[in-house]
Amino acid sequence: MALFQRNRKMLHGILLDHPEDGNERCASCDASCCQGFPSVELTAEEYATLQQLGAKRLEFTLNGHYYLMIELGCEFLVGNRCGIYHHRPAICRRFTCTE
């Protein structure tokens, strides 16, 4: 059974009340949040911005919700860093992980 077990830190995601910027928050990050969720919800404006930035994994649902599909890793990840850091969606700005 040890074959299927990995030594990974257990992280807990927290959605902050307000967006937080600052590279220090992401400096030691291994991009867990950018790889660990199937999608992030966007506003119409964020959808349009990401579309202009060349996003290929955008979804618009019939009930009026916009998404960026990030399952198996966000398409904007460059290594373990956000390639659109200054243009990233508000939900990405508000999300943080803690042990």
PDB file of N, CA and C in Angstrom:
ATOM      1  N   MET A   1       0.811  -1.188   0.000  1.00  0.00           N
ATOM      2  CA  MET A   1       0.000   0.000   0.000  1.00  0.00           C
ATOM      3  C   MET A   1       0.866   1.267   0.000  1.00  0.00           C
ATOM      4  N   ALA A   2       2.091   1.171   0.441  1.00  0.00           N
ATOM      5  CA  ALA A   2       2.977   2.332   0.482  1.00  0.00           C
ATOM      6  C   ALA A   2       3.240   2.893  -0.904  1.00  0.00           C
ATOM      7  N   LEU A   3       3.051   2.062  -1.909  1.00  0.00           N
ATOM      8  CA  LEU A   3       3.252   2.499  -3.282  1.00  0.00           C
ATOM      9  C   LEU A   3       2.351   3.678  -3.638  1.00  0.00           C
ATOM     10  N   PHE A   4       1.135   3.716  -3.083  1.00  0.00           N
ATOM     11  CA  PHE A   4       0.169   4.752  -3.426  1.00  0.00           C
ATOM     12  C   PHE A   4       0.168   5.924  -2.459  1.00  0.00           C
ATOM     13  N   GLN A   5       0.988   5.887  -1.467  1.00  0.00           N
ATOM     14  CA  GLN A   5       1.041   6.978  -0.504  1.00  0.00           C
ATOM     15  C   GLN A   5       2.168   7.926  -0.879  1.00  0.00           C
ATOM     16  N   ARG A   6       1.891   9.199  -0.757  1.00  0.00           N
ATOM     17  CA  ARG A   6       2.918  10.208  -1.029  1.00  0.00           C
ATOM     18  C   ARG A   6       3.138  11.014   0.227  1.00  0.00           C
ATOM     19  N   ASN A   7       4.344  11.456   0.402  1.00  0.00           N
ATOM     20  CA  ASN A   7       4.663  12.338   1.522  1.00  0.00           C
ATOM     21  C   ASN A   7       4.407  13.769   1.084  1.00  0.00           C
ATOM     22  N   ARG A   8       3.178  14.217   1.307  1.00  0.00           N
ATOM     23  CA  ARG A   8       2.798  15.574   0.923  1.00  0.00           C
ATOM     24  C   ARG A   8       2.304  16.308   2.150  1.00  0.00           C
ATOM     25  N   LYS A   9       2.584  17.612   2.168  1.00  0.00           N
ATOM     26  CA  LYS A   9       2.047  18.446   3.232  1.00  0.00           C
ATOM     27  C   LYS A   9       0.554  18.596   3.024  1.00  0.00           C
ATOM     28  N   MET A  10      -0.198  18.531   4.113  1.00  0.00           N
ATOM     29  CA  MET A  10      -1.633  18.772   4.039  1.00  0.00           C
ATOM     30  C   MET A  10      -1.841  20.276   4.125  1.00  0.00           C
ATOM     31  N   LEU A  11      -2.395  20.851   3.084  1.00  0.00           N
ATOM     32  CA  LEU A  11      -2.649  22.284   3.056  1.00  0.00           C
ATOM     33  C   LEU A  11      -4.142  22.540   3.164  1.00  0.00           C
ATOM     34  N   HIS A  12      -4.475  23.660   3.741  1.00  0.00           N
ATOM     35  CA  HIS A  12      -5.864  24.077   3.871  1.00  0.00           C
ATOM     36  C   HIS A  12      -6.018  25.403   3.137  1.00  0.00           C
ATOM     37  N   GLY A  13      -6.977  25.459   2.252  1.00  0.00           N
ATOM     38  CA  GLY A  13      -7.229  26.675   1.508  1.00  0.00           C
ATOM     39  C   GLY A  13      -8.116  27.625   2.279  1.00  0.00           C
ATOM     40  N   ILE A  14      -7.794  28.888   2.191  1.00  0.00           N
ATOM     41  CA  ILE A  14      -8.567  29.940   2.854  1.00  0.00           C
ATOM     42  C   ILE A  14      -8.885  31.000   1.808  1.00  0.00           C
ATOM     43  N   LEU A  15     -10.146  31.377   1.730  1.00  0.00           N
ATOM     44  CA  LEU A  15     -10.547  32.457   0.837  1.00  0.00           C
ATOM     45  C   LEU A  15     -10.674  33.724   1.672  1.00  0.00           C
ATOM     46  N   LEU A  16      -9.763  34.657   1.458  1.00  0.00           N
ATOM     47  CA  LEU A  16      -9.719  35.894   2.235  1.00  0.00           C
ATOM     48  C   LEU A  16     -10.883  36.803   1.860  1.00  0.00           C
ATOM     49  N   ASP A  17     -11.238  37.714   2.761  1.00  0.00           N
ATOM     50  CA  ASP A  17     -12.333  38.649   2.492  1.00  0.00           C
ATOM     51  C   ASP A  17     -11.997  39.653   1.393  1.00  0.00           C
ATOM     52  N   HIS A  18     -10.719  40.014   1.315  1.00  0.00           N
ATOM     53  CA  HIS A  18     -10.294  41.016   0.338  1.00  0.00           C
ATOM     54  C   HIS A  18      -9.071  40.502  -0.409  1.00  0.00           C
ATOM     55  N   PRO A  19      -8.915  40.898  -1.657  1.00  0.00           N
ATOM     56  CA  PRO A  19      -7.723  40.498  -2.411  1.00  0.00           C
ATOM     57  C   PRO A  19      -6.449  40.965  -1.711  1.00  0.00           C
ATOM     58  N   GLU A  20      -5.422  40.135  -1.809  1.00  0.00           N
ATOM     59  CA  GLU A  20      -4.133  40.453  -1.211  1.00  0.00           C
ATOM     60  C   GLU A  20      -3.074  40.302  -2.278  1.00  0.00           C
ATOM     61  N   ASP A  21      -2.333  41.345  -2.515  1.00  0.00           N
ATOM     62  CA  ASP A  21      -1.226  41.272  -3.460  1.00  0.00           C
ATOM     63  C   ASP A  21       0.078  41.263  -2.684  1.00  0.00           C
ATOM     64  N   GLY A  22       1.109  40.861  -3.350  1.00  0.00           N
ATOM     65  CA  GLY A  22       2.430  40.849  -2.734  1.00  0.00           C
ATOM     66  C   GLY A  22       3.122  39.536  -3.026  1.00  0.00           C
ATOM     67  N   ASN A  23       4.252  39.617  -3.667  1.00  0.00           N
ATOM     68  CA  ASN A  23       4.994  38.411  -4.028  1.00  0.00           C
ATOM     69  C   ASN A  23       5.439  37.600  -2.829  1.00  0.00           C
ATOM     70  N   GLU A  24       5.543  38.235  -1.657  1.00  0.00           N
ATOM     71  CA  GLU A  24       5.999  37.502  -0.473  1.00  0.00           C
ATOM     72  C   GLU A  24       5.029  36.390  -0.101  1.00  0.00           C
ATOM     73  N   ARG A  25       3.761  36.580  -0.370  1.00  0.00           N
ATOM     74  CA  ARG A  25       2.759  35.564  -0.049  1.00  0.00           C
ATOM     75  C   ARG A  25       2.942  34.320  -0.918  1.00  0.00           C
ATOM     76  N   CYS A  26       3.386  34.501  -2.132  1.00  0.00           N
ATOM     77  CA  CYS A  26       3.528  33.396  -3.085  1.00  0.00           C
ATOM     78  C   CYS A  26       4.979  32.938  -3.249  1.00  0.00           C
ATOM     79  N   ALA A  27       5.916  33.574  -2.559  1.00  0.00           N
ATOM     80  CA  ALA A  27       7.338  33.308  -2.774  1.00  0.00           C
ATOM     81  C   ALA A  27       7.718  31.850  -2.544  1.00  0.00           C
ATOM     82  N   SER A  28       7.172  31.221  -1.525  1.00  0.00           N
ATOM     83  CA  SER A  28       7.547  29.834  -1.236  1.00  0.00           C
ATOM     84  C   SER A  28       6.478  28.849  -1.677  1.00  0.00           C
ATOM     85  N   CYS A  29       5.544  29.290  -2.487  1.00  0.00           N
ATOM     86  CA  CYS A  29       4.424  28.465  -2.929  1.00  0.00           C
ATOM     87  C   CYS A  29       4.867  27.458  -3.989  1.00  0.00           C
ATOM     88  N   ASP A  30       4.262  26.280  -3.959  1.00  0.00           N
ATOM     89  CA  ASP A  30       4.534  25.280  -4.995  1.00  0.00           C
ATOM     90  C   ASP A  30       3.373  25.187  -5.984  1.00  0.00           C
ATOM     91  N   ALA A  31       2.555  26.232  -6.049  1.00  0.00           N
ATOM     92  CA  ALA A  31       1.426  26.348  -6.974  1.00  0.00           C
ATOM     93  C   ALA A  31       0.340  25.307  -6.724  1.00  0.00           C
ATOM     94  N   SER A  32       0.168  24.893  -5.479  1.00  0.00           N
ATOM     95  CA  SER A  32      -0.852  23.896  -5.142  1.00  0.00           C
ATOM     96  C   SER A  32      -2.245  24.359  -5.538  1.00  0.00           C
ATOM     97  N   CYS A  33      -2.548  25.618  -5.280  1.00  0.00           N
ATOM     98  CA  CYS A  33      -3.890  26.106  -5.603  1.00  0.00           C
ATOM     99  C   CYS A  33      -4.110  26.180  -7.109  1.00  0.00           C
ATOM    100  N   CYS A  34      -3.066  26.399  -7.868  1.00  0.00           N
ATOM    101  CA  CYS A  34      -3.179  26.515  -9.325  1.00  0.00           C
ATOM    102  C   CYS A  34      -3.250  25.152 -10.005  1.00  0.00           C
ATOM    103  N   GLN A  35      -3.092  24.089  -9.219  1.00  0.00           N
ATOM    104  CA  GLN A  35      -3.114  22.748  -9.771  1.00  0.00           C
ATOM    105  C   GLN A  35      -4.142  21.849  -9.089  1.00  0.00           C
ATOM    106  N   GLY A  36      -4.676  22.290  -7.960  1.00  0.00           N
ATOM    107  CA  GLY A  36      -5.487  21.407  -7.150  1.00  0.00           C
ATOM    108  C   GLY A  36      -6.989  21.539  -7.280  1.00  0.00           C
ATOM    109  N   PHE A  37      -7.470  22.392  -8.145  1.00  0.00           N
ATOM    110  CA  PHE A  37      -8.900  22.604  -8.310  1.00  0.00           C
ATOM    111  C   PHE A  37      -9.276  22.388  -9.765  1.00  0.00           C
ATOM    112  N   PRO A  38     -10.518  22.024 -10.027  1.00  0.00           N
ATOM    113  CA  PRO A  38     -10.918  21.826 -11.426  1.00  0.00           C
ATOM    114  C   PRO A  38     -11.124  23.132 -12.188  1.00  0.00           C
ATOM    115  N   SER A  39     -11.567  24.193 -11.480  1.00  0.00           N
ATOM    116  CA  SER A  39     -11.838  25.454 -12.166  1.00  0.00           C
ATOM    117  C   SER A  39     -11.905  26.592 -11.158  1.00  0.00           C
ATOM    118  N   VAL A  40     -11.862  27.815 -11.680  1.00  0.00           N
ATOM    119  CA  VAL A  40     -12.119  28.998 -10.861  1.00  0.00           C
ATOM    120  C   VAL A  40     -13.180  29.827 -11.569  1.00  0.00           C
ATOM    121  N   GLU A  41     -14.090  30.380 -10.778  1.00  0.00           N
ATOM    122  CA  GLU A  41     -15.151  31.202 -11.353  1.00  0.00           C
ATOM    123  C   GLU A  41     -14.626  32.608 -11.595  1.00  0.00           C
ATOM    124  N   LEU A  42     -15.071  33.189 -12.694  1.00  0.00           N
ATOM    125  CA  LEU A  42     -14.621  34.508 -13.123  1.00  0.00           C
ATOM    126  C   LEU A  42     -15.799  35.455 -13.261  1.00  0.00           C
ATOM    127  N   THR A  43     -15.502  36.741 -13.228  1.00  0.00           N
ATOM    128  CA  THR A  43     -16.495  37.739 -13.615  1.00  0.00           C
ATOM    129  C   THR A  43     -16.440  37.854 -15.135  1.00  0.00           C
ATOM    130  N   ALA A  44     -17.421  38.515 -15.716  1.00  0.00           N
ATOM    131  CA  ALA A  44     -17.422  38.719 -17.174  1.00  0.00           C
ATOM    132  C   ALA A  44     -16.191  39.507 -17.614  1.00  0.00           C
ATOM    133  N   GLU A  45     -15.786  40.480 -16.796  1.00  0.00           N
ATOM    134  CA  GLU A  45     -14.612  41.293 -17.121  1.00  0.00           C
ATOM    135  C   GLU A  45     -13.337  40.450 -17.081  1.00  0.00           C
ATOM    136  N   GLU A  46     -13.211  39.591 -16.063  1.00  0.00           N
ATOM    137  CA  GLU A  46     -12.032  38.725 -15.959  1.00  0.00           C
ATOM    138  C   GLU A  46     -11.993  37.748 -17.133  1.00  0.00           C
ATOM    139  N   TYR A  47     -13.146  37.219 -17.501  1.00  0.00           N
ATOM    140  CA  TYR A  47     -13.247  36.316 -18.648  1.00  0.00           C
ATOM    141  C   TYR A  47     -12.713  37.017 -19.902  1.00  0.00           C
ATOM    142  N   ALA A  48     -13.158  38.251 -20.138  1.00  0.00           N
ATOM    143  CA  ALA A  48     -12.714  39.012 -21.302  1.00  0.00           C
ATOM    144  C   ALA A  48     -11.211  39.283 -21.257  1.00  0.00           C
ATOM    145  N   THR A  49     -10.698  39.632 -20.086  1.00  0.00           N
ATOM    146  CA  THR A  49      -9.260  39.882 -19.929  1.00  0.00           C
ATOM    147  C   THR A  49      -8.453  38.638 -20.244  1.00  0.00           C
ATOM    148  N   LEU A  50      -8.861  37.494 -19.675  1.00  0.00           N
ATOM    149  CA  LEU A  50      -8.133  36.253 -19.915  1.00  0.00           C
ATOM    150  C   LEU A  50      -8.235  35.823 -21.376  1.00  0.00           C
ATOM    151  N   GLN A  51      -9.362  36.101 -21.987  1.00  0.00           N
ATOM    152  CA  GLN A  51      -9.535  35.804 -23.404  1.00  0.00           C
ATOM    153  C   GLN A  51      -8.523  36.615 -24.229  1.00  0.00           C
ATOM    154  N   GLN A  52      -8.353  37.890 -23.881  1.00  0.00           N
ATOM    155  CA  GLN A  52      -7.379  38.747 -24.568  1.00  0.00           C
ATOM    156  C   GLN A  52      -5.948  38.285 -24.329  1.00  0.00           C
ATOM    157  N   LEU A  53      -5.712  37.660 -23.163  1.00  0.00           N
ATOM    158  CA  LEU A  53      -4.379  37.150 -22.843  1.00  0.00           C
ATOM    159  C   LEU A  53      -4.104  35.790 -23.481  1.00  0.00           C
ATOM    160  N   GLY A  54      -5.090  35.268 -24.202  1.00  0.00           N
ATOM    161  CA  GLY A  54      -4.886  34.027 -24.946  1.00  0.00           C
ATOM    162  C   GLY A  54      -5.346  32.756 -24.258  1.00  0.00           C
ATOM    163  N   ALA A  55      -6.181  32.858 -23.240  1.00  0.00           N
ATOM    164  CA  ALA A  55      -6.667  31.665 -22.536  1.00  0.00           C
ATOM    165  C   ALA A  55      -7.398  30.744 -23.506  1.00  0.00           C
ATOM    166  N   LYS A  56      -7.105  29.467 -23.395  1.00  0.00           N
ATOM    167  CA  LYS A  56      -7.733  28.472 -24.257  1.00  0.00           C
ATOM    168  C   LYS A  56      -8.720  27.594 -23.483  1.00  0.00           C
ATOM    169  N   ARG A  57      -8.697  27.681 -22.161  1.00  0.00           N
ATOM    170  CA  ARG A  57      -9.529  26.805 -21.345  1.00  0.00           C
ATOM    171  C   ARG A  57     -10.604  27.591 -20.592  1.00  0.00           C
ATOM    172  N   LEU A  58     -11.282  28.470 -21.294  1.00  0.00           N
ATOM    173  CA  LEU A  58     -12.373  29.252 -20.715  1.00  0.00           C
ATOM    174  C   LEU A  58     -13.703  28.567 -21.009  1.00  0.00           C
ATOM    175  N   GLU A  59     -14.617  28.654 -20.061  1.00  0.00           N
ATOM    176  CA  GLU A  59     -15.945  28.067 -20.225  1.00  0.00           C
ATOM    177  C   GLU A  59     -17.002  29.092 -19.828  1.00  0.00           C
ATOM    178  N   PHE A  60     -18.088  29.114 -20.568  1.00  0.00           N
ATOM    179  CA  PHE A  60     -19.251  29.932 -20.249  1.00  0.00           C
ATOM    180  C   PHE A  60     -20.437  28.983 -20.178  1.00  0.00           C
ATOM    181  N   THR A  61     -21.152  28.981 -19.046  1.00  0.00           N
ATOM    182  CA  THR A  61     -22.264  28.050 -18.878  1.00  0.00           C
ATOM    183  C   THR A  61     -23.585  28.719 -19.237  1.00  0.00           C
ATOM    184  N   LEU A  62     -24.580  27.900 -19.492  1.00  0.00           N
ATOM    185  CA  LEU A  62     -25.896  28.409 -19.866  1.00  0.00           C
ATOM    186  C   LEU A  62     -26.567  29.202 -18.744  1.00  0.00           C
ATOM    187  N   ASN A  63     -26.153  28.968 -17.498  1.00  0.00           N
ATOM    188  CA  ASN A  63     -26.738  29.738 -16.393  1.00  0.00           C
ATOM    189  C   ASN A  63     -25.954  31.024 -16.108  1.00  0.00           C
ATOM    190  N   GLY A  64     -25.084  31.422 -17.030  1.00  0.00           N
ATOM    191  CA  GLY A  64     -24.427  32.720 -16.947  1.00  0.00           C
ATOM    192  C   GLY A  64     -23.160  32.790 -16.114  1.00  0.00           C
ATOM    193  N   HIS A  65     -22.512  31.650 -15.858  1.00  0.00           N
ATOM    194  CA  HIS A  65     -21.270  31.649 -15.084  1.00  0.00           C
ATOM    195  C   HIS A  65     -20.076  31.477 -16.013  1.00  0.00           C
ATOM    196  N   TYR A  66     -18.986  32.152 -15.662  1.00  0.00           N
ATOM    197  CA  TYR A  66     -17.750  32.110 -16.429  1.00  0.00           C
ATOM    198  C   TYR A  66     -16.706  31.363 -15.611  1.00  0.00           C
ATOM    199  N   TYR A  67     -15.904  30.526 -16.279  1.00  0.00           N
ATOM    200  CA  TYR A  67     -14.883  29.738 -15.590  1.00  0.00           C
ATOM    201  C   TYR A  67     -13.598  29.680 -16.397  1.00  0.00           C
ATOM    202  N   LEU A  68     -12.490  29.572 -15.657  1.00  0.00           N
ATOM    203  CA  LEU A  68     -11.212  29.175 -16.226  1.00  0.00           C
ATOM    204  C   LEU A  68     -10.958  27.777 -15.701  1.00  0.00           C
ATOM    205  N   MET A  69     -10.826  26.821 -16.590  1.00  0.00           N
ATOM    206  CA  MET A  69     -10.583  25.438 -16.201  1.00  0.00           C
ATOM    207  C   MET A  69      -9.101  25.298 -15.860  1.00  0.00           C
ATOM    208  N   ILE A  70      -8.808  24.840 -14.643  1.00  0.00           N
ATOM    209  CA  ILE A  70      -7.407  24.724 -14.222  1.00  0.00           C
ATOM    210  C   ILE A  70      -7.039  23.311 -13.795  1.00  0.00           C
ATOM    211  N   GLU A  71      -7.921  22.352 -14.039  1.00  0.00           N
ATOM    212  CA  GLU A  71      -7.632  20.959 -13.668  1.00  0.00           C
ATOM    213  C   GLU A  71      -6.311  20.531 -14.277  1.00  0.00           C
ATOM    214  N   LEU A  72      -5.477  19.903 -13.476  1.00  0.00           N
ATOM    215  CA  LEU A  72      -4.139  19.456 -13.873  1.00  0.00           C
ATOM    216  C   LEU A  72      -3.183  20.619 -14.122  1.00  0.00           C
ATOM    217  N   GLY A  73      -3.530  21.802 -13.645  1.00  0.00           N
ATOM    218  CA  GLY A  73      -2.635  22.949 -13.733  1.00  0.00           C
ATOM    219  C   GLY A  73      -3.165  24.063 -14.604  1.00  0.00           C
ATOM    220  N   CYS A  74      -3.136  25.244 -14.074  1.00  0.00           N
ATOM    221  CA  CYS A  74      -3.580  26.422 -14.813  1.00  0.00           C
ATOM    222  C   CYS A  74      -2.685  26.631 -16.031  1.00  0.00           C
ATOM    223  N   GLU A  75      -3.297  26.975 -17.145  1.00  0.00           N
ATOM    224  CA  GLU A  75      -2.530  27.188 -18.374  1.00  0.00           C
ATOM    225  C   GLU A  75      -1.583  28.377 -18.279  1.00  0.00           C
ATOM    226  N   PHE A  76      -1.767  29.231 -17.283  1.00  0.00           N
ATOM    227  CA  PHE A  76      -0.904  30.399 -17.123  1.00  0.00           C
ATOM    228  C   PHE A  76       0.249  30.164 -16.157  1.00  0.00           C
ATOM    229  N   LEU A  77       0.399  28.929 -15.651  1.00  0.00           N
ATOM    230  CA  LEU A  77       1.540  28.621 -14.791  1.00  0.00           C
ATOM    231  C   LEU A  77       2.811  28.549 -15.623  1.00  0.00           C
ATOM    232  N   VAL A  78       3.839  29.195 -15.140  1.00  0.00           N
ATOM    233  CA  VAL A  78       5.159  29.130 -15.753  1.00  0.00           C
ATOM    234  C   VAL A  78       6.074  28.615 -14.654  1.00  0.00           C
ATOM    235  N   GLY A  79       6.428  27.332 -14.736  1.00  0.00           N
ATOM    236  CA  GLY A  79       7.091  26.688 -13.606  1.00  0.00           C
ATOM    237  C   GLY A  79       6.063  26.608 -12.488  1.00  0.00           C
ATOM    238  N   ASN A  80       6.378  27.127 -11.343  1.00  0.00           N
ATOM    239  CA  ASN A  80       5.417  27.217 -10.238  1.00  0.00           C
ATOM    240  C   ASN A  80       5.017  28.665  -9.979  1.00  0.00           C
ATOM    241  N   ARG A  81       5.072  29.490 -10.991  1.00  0.00           N
ATOM    242  CA  ARG A  81       4.740  30.903 -10.844  1.00  0.00           C
ATOM    243  C   ARG A  81       3.629  31.292 -11.807  1.00  0.00           C
ATOM    244  N   CYS A  82       2.840  32.261 -11.376  1.00  0.00           N
ATOM    245  CA  CYS A  82       1.738  32.756 -12.189  1.00  0.00           C
ATOM    246  C   CYS A  82       2.287  33.656 -13.296  1.00  0.00           C
ATOM    247  N   GLY A  83       2.004  33.284 -14.527  1.00  0.00           N
ATOM    248  CA  GLY A  83       2.476  34.053 -15.669  1.00  0.00           C
ATOM    249  C   GLY A  83       1.654  35.306 -15.941  1.00  0.00           C
ATOM    250  N   ILE A  84       0.520  35.437 -15.251  1.00  0.00           N
ATOM    251  CA  ILE A  84      -0.341  36.625 -15.414  1.00  0.00           C
ATOM    252  C   ILE A  84      -0.603  37.257 -14.050  1.00  0.00           C
ATOM    253  N   TYR A  85       0.391  37.244 -13.192  1.00  0.00           N
ATOM    254  CA  TYR A  85       0.234  37.648 -11.795  1.00  0.00           C
ATOM    255  C   TYR A  85      -0.522  38.971 -11.643  1.00  0.00           C
ATOM    256  N   HIS A  86      -0.195  39.955 -12.422  1.00  0.00           N
ATOM    257  CA  HIS A  86      -0.833  41.273 -12.287  1.00  0.00           C
ATOM    258  C   HIS A  86      -2.225  41.324 -12.920  1.00  0.00           C
ATOM    259  N   HIS A  87      -2.588  40.293 -13.671  1.00  0.00           N
ATOM    260  CA  HIS A  87      -3.903  40.234 -14.316  1.00  0.00           C
ATOM    261  C   HIS A  87      -4.745  39.070 -13.796  1.00  0.00           C
ATOM    262  N   ARG A  88      -4.268  38.395 -12.747  1.00  0.00           N
ATOM    263  CA  ARG A  88      -4.973  37.200 -12.282  1.00  0.00           C
ATOM    264  C   ARG A  88      -6.338  37.568 -11.701  1.00  0.00           C
ATOM    265  N   PRO A  89      -7.286  36.628 -11.743  1.00  0.00           N
ATOM    266  CA  PRO A  89      -8.636  36.884 -11.233  1.00  0.00           C
ATOM    267  C   PRO A  89      -8.665  37.174  -9.731  1.00  0.00           C
ATOM    268  N   ALA A  90      -9.722  37.843  -9.296  1.00  0.00           N
ATOM    269  CA  ALA A  90      -9.877  38.202  -7.881  1.00  0.00           C
ATOM    270  C   ALA A  90      -9.862  36.983  -6.977  1.00  0.00           C
ATOM    271  N   ILE A  91     -10.456  35.877  -7.421  1.00  0.00           N
ATOM    272  CA  ILE A  91     -10.475  34.687  -6.567  1.00  0.00           C
ATOM    273  C   ILE A  91      -9.058  34.174  -6.332  1.00  0.00           C
ATOM    274  N   CYS A  92      -8.188  34.319  -7.299  1.00  0.00           N
ATOM    275  CA  CYS A  92      -6.786  33.937  -7.130  1.00  0.00           C
ATOM    276  C   CYS A  92      -6.086  34.889  -6.163  1.00  0.00           C
ATOM    277  N   ARG A  93      -6.442  36.156  -6.204  1.00  0.00           N
ATOM    278  CA  ARG A  93      -5.861  37.146  -5.291  1.00  0.00           C
ATOM    279  C   ARG A  93      -6.316  36.923  -3.857  1.00  0.00           C
ATOM    280  N   ARG A  94      -7.508  36.348  -3.699  1.00  0.00           N
ATOM    281  CA  ARG A  94      -8.071  36.145  -2.366  1.00  0.00           C
ATOM    282  C   ARG A  94      -7.708  34.804  -1.758  1.00  0.00           C
ATOM    283  N   PHE A  95      -7.270  33.852  -2.556  1.00  0.00           N
ATOM    284  CA  PHE A  95      -6.996  32.511  -2.075  1.00  0.00           C
ATOM    285  C   PHE A  95      -5.606  32.415  -1.475  1.00  0.00           C
ATOM    286  N   THR A  96      -5.495  31.700  -0.356  1.00  0.00           N
ATOM    287  CA  THR A  96      -4.200  31.442   0.245  1.00  0.00           C
ATOM    288  C   THR A  96      -4.245  30.063   0.887  1.00  0.00           C
ATOM    289  N   CYS A  97      -3.080  29.464   1.053  1.00  0.00           N
ATOM    290  CA  CYS A  97      -2.982  28.147   1.689  1.00  0.00           C
ATOM    291  C   CYS A  97      -2.210  28.271   2.990  1.00  0.00           C
ATOM    292  N   THR A  98      -2.543  27.386   3.920  1.00  0.00           N
ATOM    293  CA  THR A  98      -1.820  27.311   5.176  1.00  0.00           C
ATOM    294  C   THR A  98      -1.716  25.850   5.569  1.00  0.00           C
ATOM    295  N   GLU A  99      -0.699  25.522   6.346  1.00  0.00           N
ATOM    296  CA  GLU A  99      -0.526  24.124   6.793  1.00  0.00           C
ATOM    297  C   GLU A  99      -1.512  23.835   7.909  1.00  0.00           C
TER     298      GLU A  99
END
